[in-house]
C-alpha atoms as a PDB file:
ATOM      1  CA  UNK A   1     114.875  59.777  81.379  1.00  0.00           C
ATOM      2  CA  UNK A   2     118.095  61.211  82.828  1.00  0.00           C
ATOM      3  CA  UNK A   3     116.223  62.746  85.759  1.00  0.00           C
ATOM      4  CA  UNK A   4     114.483  59.445  86.524  1.00  0.00           C
ATOM      5  CA  UNK A   5     117.783  57.539  86.269  1.00  0.00           C
ATOM      6  CA  UNK A   6     119.547  60.017  88.565  1.00  0.00           C
ATOM      7  CA  UNK A   7     116.875  59.584  91.250  1.00  0.00           C
ATOM      8  CA  UNK A   8     116.997  55.783  90.793  1.00  0.00           C
ATOM      9  CA  UNK A   9     120.782  55.855  91.360  1.00  0.00           C
ATOM     10  CA  UNK A  10     120.450  58.024  94.471  1.00  0.00           C
ATOM     11  CA  UNK A  11     117.690  55.948  96.028  1.00  0.00           C
ATOM     12  CA  UNK A  12     118.885  52.427  95.162  1.00  0.00           C
ATOM     13  CA  UNK A  13     122.652  52.677  94.848  1.00  0.00           C
ATOM     14  CA  UNK A  14     123.542  55.551  97.206  1.00  0.00           C
ATOM     15  CA  UNK A  15     120.600  54.828  99.547  1.00  0.00           C
ATOM     16  CA  UNK A  16     120.184  58.520 100.399  1.00  0.00           C
ATOM     17  CA  UNK A  17     117.949  59.763 103.210  1.00  0.00           C
ATOM     18  CA  UNK A  18     116.519  62.645 101.154  1.00  0.00           C
ATOM     19  CA  UNK A  19     117.113  64.532  97.891  1.00  0.00           C
ATOM     20  CA  UNK A  20     117.409  68.262  97.135  1.00  0.00           C
ATOM     21  CA  UNK A  21     116.379  69.338  93.634  1.00  0.00           C
ATOM     22  CA  UNK A  22     115.412  69.724  90.870  1.00  0.00           C
ATOM     23  CA  UNK A  23     114.845  73.147  89.350  1.00  0.00           C
ATOM     24  CA  UNK A  24     112.675  72.212  86.300  1.00  0.00           C
ATOM     25  CA  UNK A  25     109.073  70.999  86.550  1.00  0.00           C
ATOM     26  CA  UNK A  26     109.327  68.364  83.791  1.00  0.00           C
ATOM     27  CA  UNK A  27     112.478  66.919  85.422  1.00  0.00           C
ATOM     28  CA  UNK A  28     110.797  66.993  88.829  1.00  0.00           C
ATOM     29  CA  UNK A  29     107.802  65.080  87.491  1.00  0.00           C
ATOM     30  CA  UNK A  30     110.000  62.362  85.962  1.00  0.00           C
ATOM     31  CA  UNK A  31     112.223  62.011  89.031  1.00  0.00           C
ATOM     32  CA  UNK A  32     109.296  62.380  91.415  1.00  0.00           C
ATOM     33  CA  UNK A  33     107.656  59.164  90.218  1.00  0.00           C
ATOM     34  CA  UNK A  34     110.826  57.212  91.044  1.00  0.00           C
ATOM     35  CA  UNK A  35     111.242  58.880  94.456  1.00  0.00           C
ATOM     36  CA  UNK A  36     107.592  58.169  95.274  1.00  0.00           C
ATOM     37  CA  UNK A  37     107.988  54.439  94.562  1.00  0.00           C
ATOM     38  CA  UNK A  38     111.225  54.354  96.580  1.00  0.00           C
ATOM     39  CA  UNK A  39     109.559  56.318  99.447  1.00  0.00           C
ATOM     40  CA  UNK A  40     112.384  58.864  99.582  1.00  0.00           C
ATOM     41  CA  UNK A  41     111.549  62.496 100.462  1.00  0.00           C
ATOM     42  CA  UNK A  42     112.546  65.111  97.870  1.00  0.00           C
ATOM     43  CA  UNK A  43     112.471  68.913  98.101  1.00  0.00           C
ATOM     44  CA  UNK A  44     112.550  70.773  94.773  1.00  0.00           C
ATOM     45  CA  UNK A  45     114.082  74.219  94.324  1.00  0.00           C
ATOM     46  CA  UNK A  46     112.203  76.114  91.589  1.00  0.00           C
ATOM     47  CA  UNK A  47     109.840  73.578  89.957  1.00  0.00           C
ATOM     48  CA  UNK A  48     106.648  75.662  89.909  1.00  0.00           C
ATOM     49  CA  UNK A  49     104.162  73.499  87.966  1.00  0.00           C
ATOM     50  CA  UNK A  50     101.287  72.383  90.260  1.00  0.00           C
ATOM     51  CA  UNK A  51     101.557  68.782  88.980  1.00  0.00           C
ATOM     52  CA  UNK A  52     105.004  68.316  90.557  1.00  0.00           C
ATOM     53  CA  UNK A  53     103.591  67.622  94.030  1.00  0.00           C
ATOM     54  CA  UNK A  54     100.035  66.613  93.088  1.00  0.00           C
ATOM     55  CA  UNK A  55      99.078  63.341  94.740  1.00  0.00           C
ATOM     56  CA  UNK A  56     102.626  62.855  96.029  1.00  0.00           C
ATOM     57  CA  UNK A  57     103.438  61.879  99.584  1.00  0.00           C
ATOM     58  CA  UNK A  58     107.233  62.275  99.297  1.00  0.00           C
ATOM     59  CA  UNK A  59     107.670  65.303  97.013  1.00  0.00           C
ATOM     60  CA  UNK A  60     107.913  68.843  98.423  1.00  0.00           C
ATOM     61  CA  UNK A  61     109.181  72.174  97.141  1.00  0.00           C
ATOM     62  CA  UNK A  62     110.651  75.378  98.555  1.00  0.00           C
ATOM     63  CA  UNK A  63     109.004  77.587  95.938  1.00  0.00           C
ATOM     64  CA  UNK A  64     105.516  78.881  95.246  1.00  0.00           C
ATOM     65  CA  UNK A  65     103.526  77.378  92.365  1.00  0.00           C
ATOM     66  CA  UNK A  66     102.387  78.882  89.064  1.00  0.00           C
ATOM     67  CA  UNK A  67      98.766  79.645  90.090  1.00  0.00           C
ATOM     68  CA  UNK A  68     100.148  81.696  92.995  1.00  0.00           C
ATOM     69  CA  UNK A  69     102.712  83.444  90.783  1.00  0.00           C
ATOM     70  CA  UNK A  70     100.188  84.069  87.962  1.00  0.00           C
ATOM     71  CA  UNK A  71      97.693  85.505  90.433  1.00  0.00           C
ATOM     72  CA  UNK A  72     100.409  87.721  91.965  1.00  0.00           C
ATOM     73  CA  UNK A  73     101.348  89.057  88.503  1.00  0.00           C
ATOM     74  CA  UNK A  74      97.680  89.832  87.764  1.00  0.00           C
ATOM     75  CA  UNK A  75      97.235  91.531  91.157  1.00  0.00           C
ATOM     76  CA  UNK A  76     100.335  93.671  90.590  1.00  0.00           C
ATOM     77  CA  UNK A  77      99.313  94.653  87.038  1.00  0.00           C
ATOM     78  CA  UNK A  78      95.724  95.519  87.963  1.00  0.00           C
ATOM     79  CA  UNK A  79      96.073  96.917  91.483  1.00  0.00           C
ATOM     80  CA  UNK A  80      99.574  98.407  91.706  1.00  0.00           C
ATOM     81  CA  UNK A  81     100.086  99.508  88.099  1.00  0.00           C
ATOM     82  CA  UNK A  82      96.411 100.256  87.487  1.00  0.00           C
ATOM     83  CA  UNK A  83      96.447  98.645  84.022  1.00  0.00           C
ATOM     84  CA  UNK A  84      92.922  97.739  82.895  1.00  0.00           C
ATOM     85  CA  UNK A  85      93.766  96.137  79.516  1.00  0.00           C
ATOM     86  CA  UNK A  86      96.274  93.308  79.131  1.00  0.00           C
ATOM     87  CA  UNK A  87      97.249  90.759  76.483  1.00  0.00           C
ATOM     88  CA  UNK A  88      98.940  87.382  76.792  1.00  0.00           C
ATOM     89  CA  UNK A  89     101.649  85.802  74.619  1.00  0.00           C
ATOM     90  CA  UNK A  90     102.186  82.115  75.416  1.00  0.00           C
ATOM     91  CA  UNK A  91     104.679  79.419  74.444  1.00  0.00           C
ATOM     92  CA  UNK A  92     102.182  76.603  73.753  1.00  0.00           C
ATOM     93  CA  UNK A  93     104.852  73.881  73.981  1.00  0.00           C
ATOM     94  CA  UNK A  94     105.796  74.802  77.546  1.00  0.00           C
ATOM     95  CA  UNK A  95     103.602  73.514  80.414  1.00  0.00           C
ATOM     96  CA  UNK A  96     105.129  76.259  82.537  1.00  0.00           C
ATOM     97  CA  UNK A  97     104.070  79.060  80.159  1.00  0.00           C
ATOM     98  CA  UNK A  98     100.603  77.645  79.484  1.00  0.00           C
ATOM     99  CA  UNK A  99      99.931  77.239  83.211  1.00  0.00           C
ATOM    100  CA  UNK A 100     101.135  80.720  84.125  1.00  0.00           C
ATOM    101  CA  UNK A 101      99.176  82.396  81.308  1.00  0.00           C
ATOM    102  CA  UNK A 102      95.977  80.613  82.296  1.00  0.00           C
ATOM    103  CA  UNK A 103      96.274  81.643  85.938  1.00  0.00           C
ATOM    104  CA  UNK A 104      97.152  85.220  84.972  1.00  0.00           C
ATOM    105  CA  UNK A 105      94.090  85.485  82.689  1.00  0.00           C
ATOM    106  CA  UNK A 106      91.740  83.980  85.287  1.00  0.00           C
ATOM    107  CA  UNK A 107      92.933  86.263  88.113  1.00  0.00           C
ATOM    108  CA  UNK A 108      93.127  89.376  85.932  1.00  0.00           C
ATOM    109  CA  UNK A 109      89.537  88.947  84.717  1.00  0.00           C
ATOM    110  CA  UNK A 110      88.335  88.233  88.251  1.00  0.00           C
ATOM    111  CA  UNK A 111      89.907  91.512  89.419  1.00  0.00           C
ATOM    112  CA  UNK A 112      88.057  93.363  86.634  1.00  0.00           C
ATOM    113  CA  UNK A 113      90.693  93.575  83.913  1.00  0.00           C
ATOM    114  CA  UNK A 114      90.133  92.936  80.200  1.00  0.00           C
ATOM    115  CA  UNK A 115      92.237  90.504  78.114  1.00  0.00           C
ATOM    116  CA  UNK A 116      92.356  92.128  74.647  1.00  0.00           C
ATOM    117  CA  UNK A 117      94.498  89.471  72.910  1.00  0.00           C
ATOM    118  CA  UNK A 118      95.601  85.899  73.623  1.00  0.00           C
ATOM    119  CA  UNK A 119      98.419  84.914  71.233  1.00  0.00           C
ATOM    120  CA  UNK A 120     100.683  81.904  70.935  1.00  0.00           C
ATOM    121  CA  UNK A 121     104.143  80.778  69.769  1.00  0.00           C
ATOM    122  CA  UNK A 122     106.353  77.688  70.122  1.00  0.00           C
ATOM    123  CA  UNK A 123     109.693  77.236  71.920  1.00  0.00           C
ATOM    124  CA  UNK A 124     112.565  77.869  69.531  1.00  0.00           C
ATOM    125  CA  UNK A 125     110.677  80.435  67.417  1.00  0.00           C
ATOM    126  CA  UNK A 126     112.858  83.364  66.376  1.00  0.00           C
ATOM    127  CA  UNK A 127     110.384  85.583  64.514  1.00  0.00           C
ATOM    128  CA  UNK A 128     107.569  87.206  66.489  1.00  0.00           C
ATOM    129  CA  UNK A 129     106.680  89.912  63.943  1.00  0.00           C
ATOM    130  CA  UNK A 130     103.144  88.615  63.296  1.00  0.00           C
ATOM    131  CA  UNK A 131     102.309  88.409  67.016  1.00  0.00           C
ATOM    132  CA  UNK A 132     103.839  91.816  67.766  1.00  0.00           C
ATOM    133  CA  UNK A 133     101.945  93.487  64.898  1.00  0.00           C
ATOM    134  CA  UNK A 134      98.661  92.096  66.187  1.00  0.00           C
ATOM    135  CA  UNK A 135      99.451  93.018  69.799  1.00  0.00           C
ATOM    136  CA  UNK A 136     100.305  96.597  68.794  1.00  0.00           C
ATOM    137  CA  UNK A 137      96.947  96.857  66.975  1.00  0.00           C
ATOM    138  CA  UNK A 138      95.040  95.696  70.104  1.00  0.00           C
ATOM    139  CA  UNK A 139      96.653  98.438  72.263  1.00  0.00           C
ATOM    140  CA  UNK A 140      97.001  96.642  75.613  1.00  0.00           C
ATOM    141  CA  UNK A 141      98.584  98.493  78.543  1.00  0.00           C
ATOM    142  CA  UNK A 142     100.712  95.414  79.184  1.00  0.00           C
ATOM    143  CA  UNK A 143     101.604  92.085  77.565  1.00  0.00           C
ATOM    144  CA  UNK A 144     102.145  89.170  79.925  1.00  0.00           C
ATOM    145  CA  UNK A 145     104.622  86.668  78.425  1.00  0.00           C
ATOM    146  CA  UNK A 146     105.852  83.948  80.786  1.00  0.00           C
ATOM    147  CA  UNK A 147     108.705  82.936  78.446  1.00  0.00           C
ATOM    148  CA  UNK A 148     112.115  81.433  79.120  1.00  0.00           C
ATOM    149  CA  UNK A 149     114.806  84.106  78.946  1.00  0.00           C
ATOM    150  CA  UNK A 150     116.211  83.236  75.477  1.00  0.00           C
ATOM    151  CA  UNK A 151     112.881  83.722  73.653  1.00  0.00           C
ATOM    152  CA  UNK A 152     111.766  86.378  76.111  1.00  0.00           C
ATOM    153  CA  UNK A 153     114.751  88.577  75.247  1.00  0.00           C
ATOM    154  CA  UNK A 154     114.091  88.190  71.486  1.00  0.00           C
ATOM    155  CA  UNK A 155     110.418  89.088  72.023  1.00  0.00           C
ATOM    156  CA  UNK A 156     111.474  92.264  73.875  1.00  0.00           C
ATOM    157  CA  UNK A 157     113.830  93.268  71.056  1.00  0.00           C
ATOM    158  CA  UNK A 158     111.288  92.696  68.293  1.00  0.00           C
ATOM    159  CA  UNK A 159     108.525  94.481  70.218  1.00  0.00           C
ATOM    160  CA  UNK A 160     110.662  97.607  70.562  1.00  0.00           C
ATOM    161  CA  UNK A 161     111.942  97.412  66.958  1.00  0.00           C
ATOM    162  CA  UNK A 162     108.326  97.483  65.778  1.00  0.00           C
ATOM    163  CA  UNK A 163     107.610 100.493  67.990  1.00  0.00           C
ATOM    164  CA  UNK A 164     105.507  98.773  70.661  1.00  0.00           C
ATOM    165  CA  UNK A 165     104.831 101.037  73.629  1.00  0.00           C
ATOM    166  CA  UNK A 166     103.034  98.541  75.874  1.00  0.00           C
ATOM    167  CA  UNK A 167     104.730  97.294  79.031  1.00  0.00           C
ATOM    168  CA  UNK A 168     106.046  93.718  79.072  1.00  0.00           C
ATOM    169  CA  UNK A 169     105.953  91.346  82.008  1.00  0.00           C
ATOM    170  CA  UNK A 170     107.170  87.761  82.519  1.00  0.00           C
ATOM    171  CA  UNK A 171     107.543  85.098  85.178  1.00  0.00           C
ATOM    172  CA  UNK A 172     110.451  83.710  87.196  1.00  0.00           C
ATOM    173  CA  UNK A 173     111.986  81.911  84.172  1.00  0.00           C
ATOM    174  CA  UNK A 174     113.164  85.317  82.882  1.00  0.00           C
ATOM    175  CA  UNK A 175     115.341  85.752  85.942  1.00  0.00           C
ATOM    176  CA  UNK A 176     118.704  85.283  84.257  1.00  0.00           C
ATOM    177  CA  UNK A 177     121.688  87.622  83.740  1.00  0.00           C
ATOM    178  CA  UNK A 178     121.584  86.764  80.005  1.00  0.00           C
ATOM    179  CA  UNK A 179     118.174  88.438  79.672  1.00  0.00           C
ATOM    180  CA  UNK A 180     119.811  91.879  79.627  1.00  0.00           C
ATOM    181  CA  UNK A 181     122.794  90.632  77.590  1.00  0.00           C
ATOM    182  CA  UNK A 182     120.545  89.390  74.778  1.00  0.00           C
ATOM    183  CA  UNK A 183     117.835  92.068  74.949  1.00  0.00           C
ATOM    184  CA  UNK A 184     120.121  95.062  75.564  1.00  0.00           C
ATOM    185  CA  UNK A 185     118.199  98.364  75.590  1.00  0.00           C
ATOM    186  CA  UNK A 186     114.955  96.548  74.804  1.00  0.00           C
ATOM    187  CA  UNK A 187     114.923  95.114  78.339  1.00  0.00           C
ATOM    188  CA  UNK A 188     114.333  98.609  79.739  1.00  0.00           C
ATOM    189  CA  UNK A 189     111.132  98.685  81.811  1.00  0.00           C
ATOM    190  CA  UNK A 190     110.556  94.929  81.595  1.00  0.00           C
ATOM    191  CA  UNK A 191     108.968  93.497  84.758  1.00  0.00           C
ATOM    192  CA  UNK A 192     108.741  89.976  86.114  1.00  0.00           C
ATOM    193  CA  UNK A 193     107.557  87.998  89.072  1.00  0.00           C
ATOM    194  CA  UNK A 194     110.397  86.308  90.901  1.00  0.00           C
ATOM    195  CA  UNK A 195     111.260  84.407  94.002  1.00  0.00           C
ATOM    196  CA  UNK A 196     111.632  86.929  96.832  1.00  0.00           C
ATOM    197  CA  UNK A 197     115.399  87.307  96.986  1.00  0.00           C
ATOM    198  CA  UNK A 198     117.735  89.723  95.302  1.00  0.00           C
ATOM    199  CA  UNK A 199     121.126  91.089  96.243  1.00  0.00           C
ATOM    200  CA  UNK A 200     119.777  94.617  95.801  1.00  0.00           C
ATOM    201  CA  UNK A 201     116.688  94.173  97.992  1.00  0.00           C
ATOM    202  CA  UNK A 202     116.311  96.899 100.596  1.00  0.00           C
ATOM    203  CA  UNK A 203     114.788  95.005 103.526  1.00  0.00           C
ATOM    204  CA  UNK A 204     116.863  91.836 103.529  1.00  0.00           C
ATOM    205  CA  UNK A 205     115.974  89.404 106.324  1.00  0.00           C
ATOM    206  CA  UNK A 206     118.661  87.913 108.605  1.00  0.00           C
ATOM    207  CA  UNK A 207     118.722  84.567 106.765  1.00  0.00           C
ATOM    208  CA  UNK A 208     119.141  86.275 103.387  1.00  0.00           C
ATOM    209  CA  UNK A 209     121.938  88.442 104.830  1.00  0.00           C
ATOM    210  CA  UNK A 210     123.762  85.373 106.189  1.00  0.00           C
ATOM    211  CA  UNK A 211     123.391  83.564 102.863  1.00  0.00           C
ATOM    212  CA  UNK A 212     124.612  86.578 100.854  1.00  0.00           C
ATOM    213  CA  UNK A 213     127.665  87.079 103.086  1.00  0.00           C
ATOM    214  CA  UNK A 214     128.590  83.379 102.952  1.00  0.00           C
ATOM    215  CA  UNK A 215     128.179  83.356  99.167  1.00  0.00           C
ATOM    216  CA  UNK A 216     130.351  86.440  98.715  1.00  0.00           C
ATOM    217  CA  UNK A 217     133.069  84.873 100.840  1.00  0.00           C
ATOM    218  CA  UNK A 218     133.084  81.635  98.836  1.00  0.00           C
ATOM    219  CA  UNK A 219     132.402  83.049  95.356  1.00  0.00           C
ATOM    220  CA  UNK A 220     133.730  86.632  95.313  1.00  0.00           C
ATOM    221  CA  UNK A 221     133.576  86.870  91.499  1.00  0.00           C
ATOM    222  CA  UNK A 222     129.967  85.801  91.074  1.00  0.00           C
ATOM    223  CA  UNK A 223     126.719  87.271  92.370  1.00  0.00           C
ATOM    224  CA  UNK A 224     124.236  84.843  93.931  1.00  0.00           C
ATOM    225  CA  UNK A 225     121.049  84.299  91.938  1.00  0.00           C
ATOM    226  CA  UNK A 226     117.733  83.211  93.315  1.00  0.00           C
ATOM    227  CA  UNK A 227     118.197  79.558  92.301  1.00  0.00           C
ATOM    228  CA  UNK A 228     121.286  79.384  94.506  1.00  0.00           C
ATOM    229  CA  UNK A 229     119.199  80.944  97.293  1.00  0.00           C
ATOM    230  CA  UNK A 230     116.452  78.349  96.812  1.00  0.00           C
ATOM    231  CA  UNK A 231     119.015  75.521  96.919  1.00  0.00           C
ATOM    232  CA  UNK A 232     120.291  76.894 100.219  1.00  0.00           C
ATOM    233  CA  UNK A 233     116.682  77.254 101.440  1.00  0.00           C
ATOM    234  CA  UNK A 234     115.975  73.579 100.575  1.00  0.00           C
ATOM    235  CA  UNK A 235     119.030  72.573 102.576  1.00  0.00           C
ATOM    236  CA  UNK A 236     117.815  74.592 105.581  1.00  0.00           C
ATOM    237  CA  UNK A 237     114.263  73.216 105.325  1.00  0.00           C
ATOM    238  CA  UNK A 238     115.682  69.695 105.263  1.00  0.00           C
ATOM    239  CA  UNK A 239     118.019  70.286 108.241  1.00  0.00           C
ATOM    240  CA  UNK A 240     115.091  71.764 110.188  1.00  0.00           C
ATOM    241  CA  UNK A 241     112.949  68.695 109.331  1.00  0.00           C
ATOM    242  CA  UNK A 242     115.776  66.331 110.304  1.00  0.00           C
ATOM    243  CA  UNK A 243     116.188  68.087 113.664  1.00  0.00           C
ATOM    244  CA  UNK A 244     112.467  67.857 114.359  1.00  0.00           C
ATOM    245  CA  UNK A 245     112.305  64.215 113.177  1.00  0.00           C
ATOM    246  CA  UNK A 246     115.079  63.431 115.670  1.00  0.00           C
ATOM    247  CA  UNK A 247     116.363  60.527 113.558  1.00  0.00           C
ATOM    248  CA  UNK A 248     117.732  59.816 110.088  1.00  0.00           C
ATOM    249  CA  UNK A 249     114.619  57.986 108.964  1.00  0.00           C
ATOM    250  CA  UNK A 250     112.928  58.587 105.598  1.00  0.00           C
ATOM    251  CA  UNK A 251     109.342  58.370 106.930  1.00  0.00           C
ATOM    252  CA  UNK A 252     110.057  60.595 109.946  1.00  0.00           C
ATOM    253  CA  UNK A 253     111.775  63.226 107.754  1.00  0.00           C
ATOM    254  CA  UNK A 254     108.868  63.108 105.256  1.00  0.00           C
ATOM    255  CA  UNK A 255     106.399  63.778 108.084  1.00  0.00           C
ATOM    256  CA  UNK A 256     108.569  66.585 109.482  1.00  0.00           C
ATOM    257  CA  UNK A 257     108.811  68.226 106.029  1.00  0.00           C
ATOM    258  CA  UNK A 258     105.003  68.131 105.756  1.00  0.00           C
ATOM    259  CA  UNK A 259     104.770  69.810 109.179  1.00  0.00           C
ATOM    260  CA  UNK A 260     107.088  72.748 108.285  1.00  0.00           C
ATOM    261  CA  UNK A 261     105.387  75.963 109.455  1.00  0.00           C
ATOM    262  CA  UNK A 262     106.596  79.565 109.738  1.00  0.00           C
ATOM    263  CA  UNK A 263     110.266  78.774 109.117  1.00  0.00           C
ATOM    264  CA  UNK A 264     112.453  81.877 108.612  1.00  0.00           C
ATOM    265  CA  UNK A 265     114.433  81.416 105.360  1.00  0.00           C
ATOM    266  CA  UNK A 266     116.328  83.645 102.890  1.00  0.00           C
ATOM    267  CA  UNK A 267     113.137  83.776 100.763  1.00  0.00           C
ATOM    268  CA  UNK A 268     110.918  84.863 103.650  1.00  0.00           C
ATOM    269  CA  UNK A 269     108.820  83.025 106.213  1.00  0.00           C
ATOM    270  CA  UNK A 270     108.126  79.618 104.688  1.00  0.00           C
ATOM    271  CA  UNK A 271     105.239  77.244 105.352  1.00  0.00           C
ATOM    272  CA  UNK A 272     104.706  73.926 103.561  1.00  0.00           C
ATOM    273  CA  UNK A 273     100.978  73.679 102.847  1.00  0.00           C
ATOM    274  CA  UNK A 274      98.689  70.658 102.472  1.00  0.00           C
ATOM    275  CA  UNK A 275      99.714  70.144  98.819  1.00  0.00           C
ATOM    276  CA  UNK A 276     103.444  70.195  99.808  1.00  0.00           C
ATOM    277  CA  UNK A 277     104.046  73.581  98.154  1.00  0.00           C
ATOM    278  CA  UNK A 278     105.823  76.455  99.871  1.00  0.00           C
ATOM    279  CA  UNK A 279     103.884  79.566 100.740  1.00  0.00           C
ATOM    280  CA  UNK A 280     106.263  82.535 100.480  1.00  0.00           C
ATOM    281  CA  UNK A 281     105.837  86.089  99.124  1.00  0.00           C
ATOM    282  CA  UNK A 282     106.216  86.793  95.368  1.00  0.00           C
ATOM    283  CA  UNK A 283     108.938  89.254  94.396  1.00  0.00           C
ATOM    284  CA  UNK A 284     108.608  91.828  91.597  1.00  0.00           C
ATOM    285  CA  UNK A 285     111.651  92.836  89.536  1.00  0.00           C
ATOM    286  CA  UNK A 286     112.050  95.596  86.961  1.00  0.00           C
ATOM    287  CA  UNK A 287     114.894  96.280  84.534  1.00  0.00           C
ATOM    288  CA  UNK A 288     116.065  99.871  84.846  1.00  0.00           C
ATOM    289  CA  UNK A 289     119.177 101.281  83.088  1.00  0.00           C
ATOM    290  CA  UNK A 290     120.384  97.776  82.251  1.00  0.00           C
ATOM    291  CA  UNK A 291     120.098  96.588  85.860  1.00  0.00           C
ATOM    292  CA  UNK A 292     117.598  94.407  87.651  1.00  0.00           C
ATOM    293  CA  UNK A 293     115.866  96.382  90.381  1.00  0.00           C
ATOM    294  CA  UNK A 294     113.969  94.560  93.097  1.00  0.00           C
ATOM    295  CA  UNK A 295     110.735  96.492  93.637  1.00  0.00           C
ATOM    296  CA  UNK A 296     109.351  94.488  96.560  1.00  0.00           C
ATOM    297  CA  UNK A 297     106.856  91.731  97.270  1.00  0.00           C
ATOM    298  CA  UNK A 298     103.232  91.149  96.426  1.00  0.00           C
ATOM    299  CA  UNK A 299     100.723  88.717  97.886  1.00  0.00           C
ATOM    300  CA  UNK A 300      98.138  87.541  95.318  1.00  0.00           C
ATOM    301  CA  UNK A 301      94.448  88.315  95.716  1.00  0.00           C
END
């Protein structure tokens, strides 16, 4: 309701030309309906559920979507890591987690991998002993768990306390400094898909360098995270569309956003495809010695 009201205020009261945000898929879906009726273009930062832009003329996003991310995770696990047996642990209350797990399973099987267990939990759960015990008995090489960081960190801790030796992997929602704070040592070796920006990345493009330097100048005490980078990317995509539209007109900007192709951004070369989703590489992160290490990018198969 709050998301819908916020968009209503921006479109009717403030009469904005365009909107940047939001980060969450459920918020984007609520606000998106209002923006669509008001015919105001919106570009979301990290709302990865496919439904966000489905059937929408005015909603866009600067991030990849869950099928793309799930397929990239499966490709990395099967091809790069060479793991032939995986299991999935899914938060059934979260559209995000359900979507990601489904796409991971589909892609992993298609590549030739075997799903040895498919277990569930609900947001807010604190005890994962039953799931961990069953997962340990199934002996997967890796467990894919696209959780939010709070539950994800607890899952890591309980897995290690019970002596689990399988690798753990999550999605972009684990990308939070609190993951390591809550999980501590248990985060060691954890991997996740992520948006393709990190302060530690080796081959930073010029746009990412410019963003990082500007951030450091303005916020010397805080490291930039990828959501900040995506916000900045949305701003750049919008400015580029406005320049190409040549006028501050909602319809012209909407058309220009739809026509965005090969734009250099801090998260790589960005193209808005026919479904209004961004096509960018998928980053892979790993936690090593209590630090997030950016391993590189993967393109899903």
